[in-house]
């Protein structure tokens, strides 16, 4: 498993990411979302772990670039 710092580094150079919410905090993923490049995405599986407020905070860090999988 990659650390949140690893994910931020990957995102900063243009990587699209798919992560499991069970492995990271909302704060971690908000930080990752905040460094996404234009045209890249962060997909969060098992997003039911987070509250609606957490999801809004993550999404606000990168509008239109975060995908939440609640299935």
C-alpha atoms as a PDB file:
ATOM      1  CA  UNK A   1       0.000   0.000   0.000  1.00  0.00           C
ATOM      2  CA  UNK A   2       1.242   3.481  -0.836  1.00  0.00           C
ATOM      3  CA  UNK A   3       1.326   6.195   1.806  1.00  0.00           C
ATOM      4  CA  UNK A   4      -0.670   9.392   1.451  1.00  0.00           C
ATOM      5  CA  UNK A   5       2.621  11.163   0.733  1.00  0.00           C
ATOM      6  CA  UNK A   6       3.339   8.677  -2.079  1.00  0.00           C
ATOM      7  CA  UNK A   7      -0.116   9.350  -3.556  1.00  0.00           C
ATOM      8  CA  UNK A   8       0.450  13.101  -3.451  1.00  0.00           C
ATOM      9  CA  UNK A   9       3.711  12.680  -5.337  1.00  0.00           C
ATOM     10  CA  UNK A  10       2.034  10.547  -7.991  1.00  0.00           C
ATOM     11  CA  UNK A  11      -0.838  13.033  -8.305  1.00  0.00           C
ATOM     12  CA  UNK A  12       1.560  15.963  -8.644  1.00  0.00           C
ATOM     13  CA  UNK A  13       3.104  14.481 -11.775  1.00  0.00           C
ATOM     14  CA  UNK A  14      -0.236  13.766 -13.446  1.00  0.00           C
ATOM     15  CA  UNK A  15      -1.224  10.314 -12.262  1.00  0.00           C
ATOM     16  CA  UNK A  16      -4.861   9.219 -12.136  1.00  0.00           C
ATOM     17  CA  UNK A  17      -5.503   7.380  -8.893  1.00  0.00           C
ATOM     18  CA  UNK A  18      -7.921   4.741  -7.615  1.00  0.00           C
ATOM     19  CA  UNK A  19      -7.763   4.262  -3.844  1.00  0.00           C
ATOM     20  CA  UNK A  20      -9.608   2.407  -1.102  1.00  0.00           C
ATOM     21  CA  UNK A  21     -11.124   4.723   1.497  1.00  0.00           C
ATOM     22  CA  UNK A  22     -10.561   2.067   4.146  1.00  0.00           C
ATOM     23  CA  UNK A  23      -6.816   2.694   3.881  1.00  0.00           C
ATOM     24  CA  UNK A  24      -6.786   6.501   4.226  1.00  0.00           C
ATOM     25  CA  UNK A  25      -8.339   9.302   6.249  1.00  0.00           C
ATOM     26  CA  UNK A  26     -10.510  12.010   4.750  1.00  0.00           C
ATOM     27  CA  UNK A  27      -7.724  14.468   5.577  1.00  0.00           C
ATOM     28  CA  UNK A  28      -5.227  12.338   3.611  1.00  0.00           C
ATOM     29  CA  UNK A  29      -7.452  12.195   0.537  1.00  0.00           C
ATOM     30  CA  UNK A  30      -8.295  15.893   0.679  1.00  0.00           C
ATOM     31  CA  UNK A  31      -4.551  16.541   0.540  1.00  0.00           C
ATOM     32  CA  UNK A  32      -4.177  14.224  -2.447  1.00  0.00           C
ATOM     33  CA  UNK A  33      -7.121  15.837  -4.229  1.00  0.00           C
ATOM     34  CA  UNK A  34      -5.656  19.293  -3.657  1.00  0.00           C
ATOM     35  CA  UNK A  35      -2.591  18.500  -5.786  1.00  0.00           C
ATOM     36  CA  UNK A  36      -4.338  16.798  -8.727  1.00  0.00           C
ATOM     37  CA  UNK A  37      -3.368  18.149 -12.121  1.00  0.00           C
ATOM     38  CA  UNK A  38      -6.011  19.464 -14.479  1.00  0.00           C
ATOM     39  CA  UNK A  39      -7.630  16.557 -16.340  1.00  0.00           C
ATOM     40  CA  UNK A  40      -6.695  13.898 -13.774  1.00  0.00           C
ATOM     41  CA  UNK A  41      -8.977  12.103 -11.332  1.00  0.00           C
ATOM     42  CA  UNK A  42      -9.041  10.546  -7.907  1.00  0.00           C
ATOM     43  CA  UNK A  43     -11.489   7.643  -7.558  1.00  0.00           C
ATOM     44  CA  UNK A  44     -12.300   6.628  -3.998  1.00  0.00           C
ATOM     45  CA  UNK A  45     -13.726   3.138  -3.476  1.00  0.00           C
ATOM     46  CA  UNK A  46     -15.645   2.237  -0.285  1.00  0.00           C
ATOM     47  CA  UNK A  47     -16.510   5.911   0.100  1.00  0.00           C
ATOM     48  CA  UNK A  48     -19.356   4.998   2.484  1.00  0.00           C
ATOM     49  CA  UNK A  49     -16.684   5.129   5.180  1.00  0.00           C
ATOM     50  CA  UNK A  50     -16.783   8.922   5.033  1.00  0.00           C
ATOM     51  CA  UNK A  51     -19.519  11.294   6.118  1.00  0.00           C
ATOM     52  CA  UNK A  52     -21.200  13.520   3.563  1.00  0.00           C
ATOM     53  CA  UNK A  53     -19.262  16.439   5.046  1.00  0.00           C
ATOM     54  CA  UNK A  54     -15.969  14.574   4.540  1.00  0.00           C
ATOM     55  CA  UNK A  55     -16.895  13.867   0.914  1.00  0.00           C
ATOM     56  CA  UNK A  56     -17.805  17.492   0.301  1.00  0.00           C
ATOM     57  CA  UNK A  57     -14.436  18.586   1.697  1.00  0.00           C
ATOM     58  CA  UNK A  58     -12.529  16.165  -0.511  1.00  0.00           C
ATOM     59  CA  UNK A  59     -14.565  17.122  -3.582  1.00  0.00           C
ATOM     60  CA  UNK A  60     -14.093  20.831  -2.897  1.00  0.00           C
ATOM     61  CA  UNK A  61     -10.325  20.360  -3.022  1.00  0.00           C
ATOM     62  CA  UNK A  62     -10.586  19.333  -6.711  1.00  0.00           C
ATOM     63  CA  UNK A  63     -14.026  20.123  -8.176  1.00  0.00           C
ATOM     64  CA  UNK A  64     -14.999  17.714 -10.947  1.00  0.00           C
ATOM     65  CA  UNK A  65     -11.951  15.508 -10.438  1.00  0.00           C
ATOM     66  CA  UNK A  66     -13.000  13.268  -7.536  1.00  0.00           C
ATOM     67  CA  UNK A  67     -15.174  10.175  -8.032  1.00  0.00           C
ATOM     68  CA  UNK A  68     -16.804   8.530  -5.039  1.00  0.00           C
ATOM     69  CA  UNK A  69     -17.749   4.851  -5.303  1.00  0.00           C
ATOM     70  CA  UNK A  70     -20.554   4.161  -2.831  1.00  0.00           C
ATOM     71  CA  UNK A  71     -21.456   0.758  -4.281  1.00  0.00           C
END
